[in-house]
Amino acid sequence: MTKINLHDVVALTEDTKAQRFPYGEALLLPAGLVGTVVEKYNQGEAFEVEFAEKNGEAYALITIEAEKLFLLRFEPAELAFAS
């Protein structure tokens, strides 16, 4: 499993129920929605993820298990070649 760190950009792997921040309205965050990791719990078993509008205003903040997140990359990973 890929290690997720603070400030990483992640996407949800499944639809997830949440409450609109700060109003408390029910939301359904769809699989594939992108957020930013703002806290790490239990050595990376779960994370607090913030979801924000394009202007940077947060609309949801959830705690979610690592296996329900997909780490997004903005640079190529090191390539391994068989010898």
PDB file of N, CA and C in Angstrom:
ATOM      1  N   MET A   1       0.837  -1.181   0.000  1.00  0.00           N
ATOM      2  CA  MET A   1       0.000   0.000   0.000  1.00  0.00           C
ATOM      3  C   MET A   1       0.887   1.252   0.000  1.00  0.00           C
ATOM      4  N   THR A   2       0.473   2.273  -0.727  1.00  0.00           N
ATOM      5  CA  THR A   2       1.212   3.520  -0.816  1.00  0.00           C
ATOM      6  C   THR A   2       1.047   4.319   0.468  1.00  0.00           C
ATOM      7  N   LYS A   3       2.142   4.886   0.950  1.00  0.00           N
ATOM      8  CA  LYS A   3       2.110   5.668   2.182  1.00  0.00           C
ATOM      9  C   LYS A   3       1.521   7.051   1.910  1.00  0.00           C
ATOM     10  N   ILE A   4       0.530   7.419   2.696  1.00  0.00           N
ATOM     11  CA  ILE A   4      -0.110   8.731   2.588  1.00  0.00           C
ATOM     12  C   ILE A   4       0.418   9.607   3.707  1.00  0.00           C
ATOM     13  N   ASN A   5       0.732  10.847   3.390  1.00  0.00           N
ATOM     14  CA  ASN A   5       1.284  11.797   4.363  1.00  0.00           C
ATOM     15  C   ASN A   5       0.408  13.043   4.466  1.00  0.00           C
ATOM     16  N   LEU A   6       0.684  13.856   5.483  1.00  0.00           N
ATOM     17  CA  LEU A   6       0.003  15.138   5.632  1.00  0.00           C
ATOM     18  C   LEU A   6       0.188  15.980   4.374  1.00  0.00           C
ATOM     19  N   HIS A   7      -0.842  16.673   3.980  1.00  0.00           N
ATOM     20  CA  HIS A   7      -0.876  17.579   2.834  1.00  0.00           C
ATOM     21  C   HIS A   7      -0.899  16.875   1.483  1.00  0.00           C
ATOM     22  N   ASP A   8      -0.945  15.540   1.479  1.00  0.00           N
ATOM     23  CA  ASP A   8      -1.082  14.821   0.213  1.00  0.00           C
ATOM     24  C   ASP A   8      -2.475  15.051  -0.362  1.00  0.00           C
ATOM     25  N   VAL A   9      -2.567  14.981  -1.677  1.00  0.00           N
ATOM     26  CA  VAL A   9      -3.846  15.082  -2.370  1.00  0.00           C
ATOM     27  C   VAL A   9      -4.321  13.652  -2.622  1.00  0.00           C
ATOM     28  N   VAL A  10      -5.556  13.382  -2.211  1.00  0.00           N
ATOM     29  CA  VAL A  10      -6.118  12.037  -2.313  1.00  0.00           C
ATOM     30  C   VAL A  10      -7.493  12.102  -2.974  1.00  0.00           C
ATOM     31  N   ALA A  11      -7.962  10.947  -3.434  1.00  0.00           N
ATOM     32  CA  ALA A  11      -9.311  10.835  -3.984  1.00  0.00           C
ATOM     33  C   ALA A  11     -10.038   9.722  -3.244  1.00  0.00           C
ATOM     34  N   LEU A  12     -11.345   9.873  -3.115  1.00  0.00           N
ATOM     35  CA  LEU A  12     -12.170   8.846  -2.490  1.00  0.00           C
ATOM     36  C   LEU A  12     -12.321   7.661  -3.433  1.00  0.00           C
ATOM     37  N   THR A  13     -12.265   6.440  -2.900  1.00  0.00           N
ATOM     38  CA  THR A  13     -12.437   5.246  -3.728  1.00  0.00           C
ATOM     39  C   THR A  13     -13.885   4.775  -3.751  1.00  0.00           C
ATOM     40  N   GLU A  14     -14.729   5.375  -2.920  1.00  0.00           N
ATOM     41  CA  GLU A  14     -16.150   5.017  -2.895  1.00  0.00           C
ATOM     42  C   GLU A  14     -16.967   6.216  -2.450  1.00  0.00           C
ATOM     43  N   ASP A  15     -18.253   6.216  -2.783  1.00  0.00           N
ATOM     44  CA  ASP A  15     -19.146   7.270  -2.315  1.00  0.00           C
ATOM     45  C   ASP A  15     -19.125   7.283  -0.788  1.00  0.00           C
ATOM     46  N   THR A  16     -19.109   8.484  -0.199  1.00  0.00           N
ATOM     47  CA  THR A  16     -18.962   8.618   1.255  1.00  0.00           C
ATOM     48  C   THR A  16     -19.913   9.679   1.783  1.00  0.00           C
ATOM     49  N   LYS A  17     -20.674   9.324   2.811  1.00  0.00           N
ATOM     50  CA  LYS A  17     -21.580  10.283   3.448  1.00  0.00           C
ATOM     51  C   LYS A  17     -20.766  11.246   4.310  1.00  0.00           C
ATOM     52  N   ALA A  18     -21.194  12.506   4.315  1.00  0.00           N
ATOM     53  CA  ALA A  18     -20.527  13.544   5.101  1.00  0.00           C
ATOM     54  C   ALA A  18     -21.552  14.598   5.471  1.00  0.00           C
ATOM     55  N   GLN A  19     -21.102  15.572   6.260  1.00  0.00           N
ATOM     56  CA  GLN A  19     -21.925  16.728   6.575  1.00  0.00           C
ATOM     57  C   GLN A  19     -21.237  17.968   6.027  1.00  0.00           C
ATOM     58  N   ARG A  20     -22.040  18.850   5.425  1.00  0.00           N
ATOM     59  CA  ARG A  20     -21.494  20.092   4.868  1.00  0.00           C
ATOM     60  C   ARG A  20     -20.922  20.928   5.996  1.00  0.00           C
ATOM     61  N   PHE A  21     -19.701  21.380   5.798  1.00  0.00           N
ATOM     62  CA  PHE A  21     -18.998  22.193   6.785  1.00  0.00           C
ATOM     63  C   PHE A  21     -19.244  23.657   6.458  1.00  0.00           C
ATOM     64  N   PRO A  22     -19.612  24.496   7.337  1.00  0.00           N
ATOM     65  CA  PRO A  22     -19.870  24.291   8.771  1.00  0.00           C
ATOM     66  C   PRO A  22     -21.348  24.133   9.102  1.00  0.00           C
ATOM     67  N   TYR A  23     -22.214  23.946   8.105  1.00  0.00           N
ATOM     68  CA  TYR A  23     -23.663  24.010   8.321  1.00  0.00           C
ATOM     69  C   TYR A  23     -24.308  22.714   8.791  1.00  0.00           C
ATOM     70  N   GLY A  24     -23.723  21.573   8.521  1.00  0.00           N
ATOM     71  CA  GLY A  24     -24.253  20.305   8.988  1.00  0.00           C
ATOM     72  C   GLY A  24     -25.238  19.628   8.052  1.00  0.00           C
ATOM     73  N   GLU A  25     -25.448  20.174   6.843  1.00  0.00           N
ATOM     74  CA  GLU A  25     -26.348  19.531   5.880  1.00  0.00           C
ATOM     75  C   GLU A  25     -25.736  18.214   5.408  1.00  0.00           C
ATOM     76  N   ALA A  26     -26.571  17.222   5.132  1.00  0.00           N
ATOM     77  CA  ALA A  26     -26.096  15.938   4.633  1.00  0.00           C
ATOM     78  C   ALA A  26     -25.537  16.088   3.220  1.00  0.00           C
ATOM     79  N   LEU A  27     -24.402  15.449   2.974  1.00  0.00           N
ATOM     80  CA  LEU A  27     -23.760  15.440   1.657  1.00  0.00           C
ATOM     81  C   LEU A  27     -23.413  14.005   1.287  1.00  0.00           C
ATOM     82  N   LEU A  28     -23.345  13.727   0.020  1.00  0.00           N
ATOM     83  CA  LEU A  28     -22.787  12.477  -0.460  1.00  0.00           C
ATOM     84  C   LEU A  28     -21.584  12.854  -1.323  1.00  0.00           C
ATOM     85  N   LEU A  29     -20.406  12.547  -0.828  1.00  0.00           N
ATOM     86  CA  LEU A  29     -19.172  12.835  -1.562  1.00  0.00           C
ATOM     87  C   LEU A  29     -18.951  11.664  -2.519  1.00  0.00           C
ATOM     88  N   PRO A  30     -18.884  11.914  -3.827  1.00  0.00           N
ATOM     89  CA  PRO A  30     -18.782  10.821  -4.789  1.00  0.00           C
ATOM     90  C   PRO A  30     -17.368  10.238  -4.890  1.00  0.00           C
ATOM     91  N   ALA A  31     -17.296   8.968  -5.243  1.00  0.00           N
ATOM     92  CA  ALA A  31     -16.006   8.338  -5.517  1.00  0.00           C
ATOM     93  C   ALA A  31     -15.269   9.187  -6.550  1.00  0.00           C
ATOM     94  N   GLY A  32     -13.974   9.354  -6.348  1.00  0.00           N
ATOM     95  CA  GLY A  32     -13.163  10.162  -7.259  1.00  0.00           C
ATOM     96  C   GLY A  32     -13.000  11.599  -6.835  1.00  0.00           C
ATOM     97  N   LEU A  33     -13.781  12.037  -5.841  1.00  0.00           N
ATOM     98  CA  LEU A  33     -13.663  13.415  -5.363  1.00  0.00           C
ATOM     99  C   LEU A  33     -12.294  13.617  -4.711  1.00  0.00           C
ATOM    100  N   VAL A  34     -11.681  14.755  -4.985  1.00  0.00           N
ATOM    101  CA  VAL A  34     -10.322  15.042  -4.535  1.00  0.00           C
ATOM    102  C   VAL A  34     -10.336  15.922  -3.290  1.00  0.00           C
ATOM    103  N   GLY A  35      -9.480  15.574  -2.309  1.00  0.00           N
ATOM    104  CA  GLY A  35      -9.336  16.349  -1.090  1.00  0.00           C
ATOM    105  C   GLY A  35      -7.888  16.361  -0.639  1.00  0.00           C
ATOM    106  N   THR A  36      -7.628  17.060   0.456  1.00  0.00           N
ATOM    107  CA  THR A  36      -6.281  17.197   1.000  1.00  0.00           C
ATOM    108  C   THR A  36      -6.228  16.629   2.410  1.00  0.00           C
ATOM    109  N   VAL A  37      -5.203  15.830   2.684  1.00  0.00           N
ATOM    110  CA  VAL A  37      -5.010  15.243   4.014  1.00  0.00           C
ATOM    111  C   VAL A  37      -4.536  16.334   4.972  1.00  0.00           C
ATOM    112  N   VAL A  38      -5.271  16.513   6.086  1.00  0.00           N
ATOM    113  CA  VAL A  38      -4.911  17.536   7.061  1.00  0.00           C
ATOM    114  C   VAL A  38      -4.557  16.956   8.431  1.00  0.00           C
ATOM    115  N   GLU A  39      -4.776  15.658   8.631  1.00  0.00           N
ATOM    116  CA  GLU A  39      -4.396  15.005   9.888  1.00  0.00           C
ATOM    117  C   GLU A  39      -4.249  13.513   9.642  1.00  0.00           C
ATOM    118  N   LYS A  40      -3.357  12.893  10.414  1.00  0.00           N
ATOM    119  CA  LYS A  40      -3.073  11.465  10.296  1.00  0.00           C
ATOM    120  C   LYS A  40      -3.354  10.816  11.644  1.00  0.00           C
ATOM    121  N   TYR A  41      -4.050   9.666  11.649  1.00  0.00           N
ATOM    122  CA  TYR A  41      -4.396   8.968  12.883  1.00  0.00           C
ATOM    123  C   TYR A  41      -3.859   7.534  12.880  1.00  0.00           C
ATOM    124  N   ASN A  42      -3.492   7.045  14.047  1.00  0.00           N
ATOM    125  CA  ASN A  42      -3.075   5.644  14.243  1.00  0.00           C
ATOM    126  C   ASN A  42      -2.033   5.183  13.223  1.00  0.00           C
ATOM    127  N   GLN A  43      -0.958   5.929  13.112  1.00  0.00           N
ATOM    128  CA  GLN A  43       0.150   5.602  12.205  1.00  0.00           C
ATOM    129  C   GLN A  43      -0.312   5.392  10.763  1.00  0.00           C
ATOM    130  N   GLY A  44      -1.302   6.147  10.330  1.00  0.00           N
ATOM    131  CA  GLY A  44      -1.751   6.096   8.945  1.00  0.00           C
ATOM    132  C   GLY A  44      -2.891   5.140   8.670  1.00  0.00           C
ATOM    133  N   GLU A  45      -3.566   4.659   9.716  1.00  0.00           N
ATOM    134  CA  GLU A  45      -4.730   3.800   9.504  1.00  0.00           C
ATOM    135  C   GLU A  45      -5.937   4.615   9.037  1.00  0.00           C
ATOM    136  N   ALA A  46      -5.992   5.891   9.436  1.00  0.00           N
ATOM    137  CA  ALA A  46      -7.089   6.786   9.047  1.00  0.00           C
ATOM    138  C   ALA A  46      -6.549   8.203   8.902  1.00  0.00           C
ATOM    139  N   PHE A  47      -7.316   9.020   8.195  1.00  0.00           N
ATOM    140  CA  PHE A  47      -6.903  10.394   7.923  1.00  0.00           C
ATOM    141  C   PHE A  47      -8.088  11.337   7.998  1.00  0.00           C
ATOM    142  N   GLU A  48      -7.806  12.579   8.356  1.00  0.00           N
ATOM    143  CA  GLU A  48      -8.772  13.665   8.260  1.00  0.00           C
ATOM    144  C   GLU A  48      -8.519  14.299   6.892  1.00  0.00           C
ATOM    145  N   VAL A  49      -9.564  14.382   6.075  1.00  0.00           N
ATOM    146  CA  VAL A  49      -9.423  14.915   4.720  1.00  0.00           C
ATOM    147  C   VAL A  49     -10.371  16.090   4.547  1.00  0.00           C
ATOM    148  N   GLU A  50      -9.828  17.173   4.015  1.00  0.00           N
ATOM    149  CA  GLU A  50     -10.612  18.382   3.755  1.00  0.00           C
ATOM    150  C   GLU A  50     -10.943  18.450   2.272  1.00  0.00           C
ATOM    151  N   PHE A  51     -12.216  18.758   1.991  1.00  0.00           N
ATOM    152  CA  PHE A  51     -12.676  18.951   0.627  1.00  0.00           C
ATOM    153  C   PHE A  51     -13.065  20.417   0.491  1.00  0.00           C
ATOM    154  N   ALA A  52     -12.589  21.070  -0.569  1.00  0.00           N
ATOM    155  CA  ALA A  52     -12.770  22.512  -0.698  1.00  0.00           C
ATOM    156  C   ALA A  52     -13.201  22.895  -2.112  1.00  0.00           C
ATOM    157  N   GLU A  53     -13.868  24.053  -2.193  1.00  0.00           N
ATOM    158  CA  GLU A  53     -14.236  24.656  -3.476  1.00  0.00           C
ATOM    159  C   GLU A  53     -12.961  25.139  -4.174  1.00  0.00           C
ATOM    160  N   LYS A  54     -13.070  25.497  -5.441  1.00  0.00           N
ATOM    161  CA  LYS A  54     -11.918  26.009  -6.189  1.00  0.00           C
ATOM    162  C   LYS A  54     -11.317  27.254  -5.545  1.00  0.00           C
ATOM    163  N   ASN A  55     -12.155  28.036  -4.846  1.00  0.00           N
ATOM    164  CA  ASN A  55     -11.665  29.258  -4.198  1.00  0.00           C
ATOM    165  C   ASN A  55     -10.972  28.967  -2.864  1.00  0.00           C
ATOM    166  N   GLY A  56     -10.905  27.687  -2.466  1.00  0.00           N
ATOM    167  CA  GLY A  56     -10.222  27.301  -1.235  1.00  0.00           C
ATOM    168  C   GLY A  56     -11.118  27.184  -0.019  1.00  0.00           C
ATOM    169  N   GLU A  57     -12.403  27.510  -0.150  1.00  0.00           N
ATOM    170  CA  GLU A  57     -13.328  27.446   0.976  1.00  0.00           C
ATOM    171  C   GLU A  57     -13.754  25.993   1.223  1.00  0.00           C
ATOM    172  N   ALA A  58     -13.481  25.501   2.436  1.00  0.00           N
ATOM    173  CA  ALA A  58     -13.804  24.113   2.783  1.00  0.00           C
ATOM    174  C   ALA A  58     -15.311  23.913   2.872  1.00  0.00           C
ATOM    175  N   TYR A  59     -15.779  22.770   2.361  1.00  0.00           N
ATOM    176  CA  TYR A  59     -17.195  22.433   2.483  1.00  0.00           C
ATOM    177  C   TYR A  59     -17.415  21.087   3.165  1.00  0.00           C
ATOM    178  N   ALA A  60     -16.353  20.299   3.347  1.00  0.00           N
ATOM    179  CA  ALA A  60     -16.479  19.034   4.075  1.00  0.00           C
ATOM    180  C   ALA A  60     -15.141  18.670   4.694  1.00  0.00           C
ATOM    181  N   LEU A  61     -15.216  18.068   5.871  1.00  0.00           N
ATOM    182  CA  LEU A  61     -14.042  17.607   6.603  1.00  0.00           C
ATOM    183  C   LEU A  61     -14.430  16.269   7.218  1.00  0.00           C
ATOM    184  N   ILE A  62     -13.771  15.195   6.768  1.00  0.00           N
ATOM    185  CA  ILE A  62     -14.155  13.863   7.238  1.00  0.00           C
ATOM    186  C   ILE A  62     -12.944  13.077   7.726  1.00  0.00           C
ATOM    187  N   THR A  63     -13.199  12.140   8.619  1.00  0.00           N
ATOM    188  CA  THR A  63     -12.197  11.164   9.016  1.00  0.00           C
ATOM    189  C   THR A  63     -12.528   9.888   8.262  1.00  0.00           C
ATOM    190  N   ILE A  64     -11.528   9.317   7.586  1.00  0.00           N
ATOM    191  CA  ILE A  64     -11.771   8.166   6.724  1.00  0.00           C
ATOM    192  C   ILE A  64     -10.581   7.207   6.756  1.00  0.00           C
ATOM    193  N   GLU A  65     -10.874   5.923   6.627  1.00  0.00           N
ATOM    194  CA  GLU A  65      -9.843   4.894   6.654  1.00  0.00           C
ATOM    195  C   GLU A  65      -8.954   4.988   5.412  1.00  0.00           C
ATOM    196  N   ALA A  66      -7.687   4.634   5.590  1.00  0.00           N
ATOM    197  CA  ALA A  66      -6.703   4.717   4.511  1.00  0.00           C
ATOM    198  C   ALA A  66      -7.111   3.917   3.279  1.00  0.00           C
ATOM    199  N   GLU A  67      -7.734   2.743   3.475  1.00  0.00           N
ATOM    200  CA  GLU A  67      -8.082   1.900   2.331  1.00  0.00           C
ATOM    201  C   GLU A  67      -9.205   2.486   1.474  1.00  0.00           C
ATOM    202  N   LYS A  68      -9.824   3.565   1.927  1.00  0.00           N
ATOM    203  CA  LYS A  68     -10.874   4.221   1.152  1.00  0.00           C
ATOM    204  C   LYS A  68     -10.362   5.469   0.430  1.00  0.00           C
ATOM    205  N   LEU A  69      -9.014   5.599   0.409  1.00  0.00           N
ATOM    206  CA  LEU A  69      -8.379   6.738  -0.247  1.00  0.00           C
ATOM    207  C   LEU A  69      -7.388   6.254  -1.293  1.00  0.00           C
ATOM    208  N   PHE A  70      -7.224   7.053  -2.333  1.00  0.00           N
ATOM    209  CA  PHE A  70      -6.261   6.786  -3.390  1.00  0.00           C
ATOM    210  C   PHE A  70      -5.341   7.995  -3.480  1.00  0.00           C
ATOM    211  N   LEU A  71      -4.037   7.780  -3.323  1.00  0.00           N
ATOM    212  CA  LEU A  71      -3.056   8.856  -3.380  1.00  0.00           C
ATOM    213  C   LEU A  71      -2.864   9.309  -4.824  1.00  0.00           C
ATOM    214  N   LEU A  72      -3.004  10.614  -5.071  1.00  0.00           N
ATOM    215  CA  LEU A  72      -2.776  11.174  -6.401  1.00  0.00           C
ATOM    216  C   LEU A  72      -1.327  11.632  -6.511  1.00  0.00           C
ATOM    217  N   ARG A  73      -0.770  11.442  -7.674  1.00  0.00           N
ATOM    218  CA  ARG A  73       0.635  11.803  -7.903  1.00  0.00           C
ATOM    219  C   ARG A  73       0.710  12.885  -8.987  1.00  0.00           C
ATOM    220  N   PHE A  74       1.657  13.785  -8.822  1.00  0.00           N
ATOM    221  CA  PHE A  74       1.841  14.858  -9.787  1.00  0.00           C
ATOM    222  C   PHE A  74       3.201  14.770 -10.463  1.00  0.00           C
ATOM    223  N   GLU A  75       3.983  13.750 -10.072  1.00  0.00           N
ATOM    224  CA  GLU A  75       5.291  13.490 -10.660  1.00  0.00           C
ATOM    225  C   GLU A  75       5.381  11.995 -10.912  1.00  0.00           C
ATOM    226  N   PRO A  76       6.151  11.587 -11.918  1.00  0.00           N
ATOM    227  CA  PRO A  76       6.255  10.153 -12.175  1.00  0.00           C
ATOM    228  C   PRO A  76       6.991   9.442 -11.013  1.00  0.00           C
ATOM    229  N   ALA A  77       6.548   8.233 -10.738  1.00  0.00           N
ATOM    230  CA  ALA A  77       7.225   7.410  -9.728  1.00  0.00           C
ATOM    231  C   ALA A  77       8.499   6.860 -10.346  1.00  0.00           C
ATOM    232  N   GLU A  78       9.428   6.452  -9.519  1.00  0.00           N
ATOM    233  CA  GLU A  78      10.650   5.827  -9.993  1.00  0.00           C
ATOM    234  C   GLU A  78      10.264   4.557 -10.753  1.00  0.00           C
ATOM    235  N   LEU A  79      10.870   4.348 -11.871  1.00  0.00           N
ATOM    236  CA  LEU A  79      10.591   3.151 -12.671  1.00  0.00           C
ATOM    237  C   LEU A  79      11.570   2.058 -12.292  1.00  0.00           C
ATOM    238  N   ALA A  80      11.068   0.870 -12.104  1.00  0.00           N
ATOM    239  CA  ALA A  80      11.920  -0.280 -11.787  1.00  0.00           C
ATOM    240  C   ALA A  80      12.046  -1.146 -13.033  1.00  0.00           C
ATOM    241  N   PHE A  81      13.237  -1.477 -13.385  1.00  0.00           N
ATOM    242  CA  PHE A  81      13.503  -2.310 -14.553  1.00  0.00           C
ATOM    243  C   PHE A  81      14.110  -3.626 -14.115  1.00  0.00           C
ATOM    244  N   ALA A  82      13.601  -4.711 -14.673  1.00  0.00           N
ATOM    245  CA  ALA A  82      14.173  -6.021 -14.375  1.00  0.00           C
ATOM    246  C   ALA A  82      15.524  -6.137 -15.078  1.00  0.00           C
ATOM    247  N   SER A  83      16.466  -6.761 -14.414  1.00  0.00           N
ATOM    248  CA  SER A  83      17.782  -6.901 -15.047  1.00  0.00           C
ATOM    249  C   SER A  83      17.912  -8.216 -15.752  1.00  0.00           C
TER     250      SER A  83
END
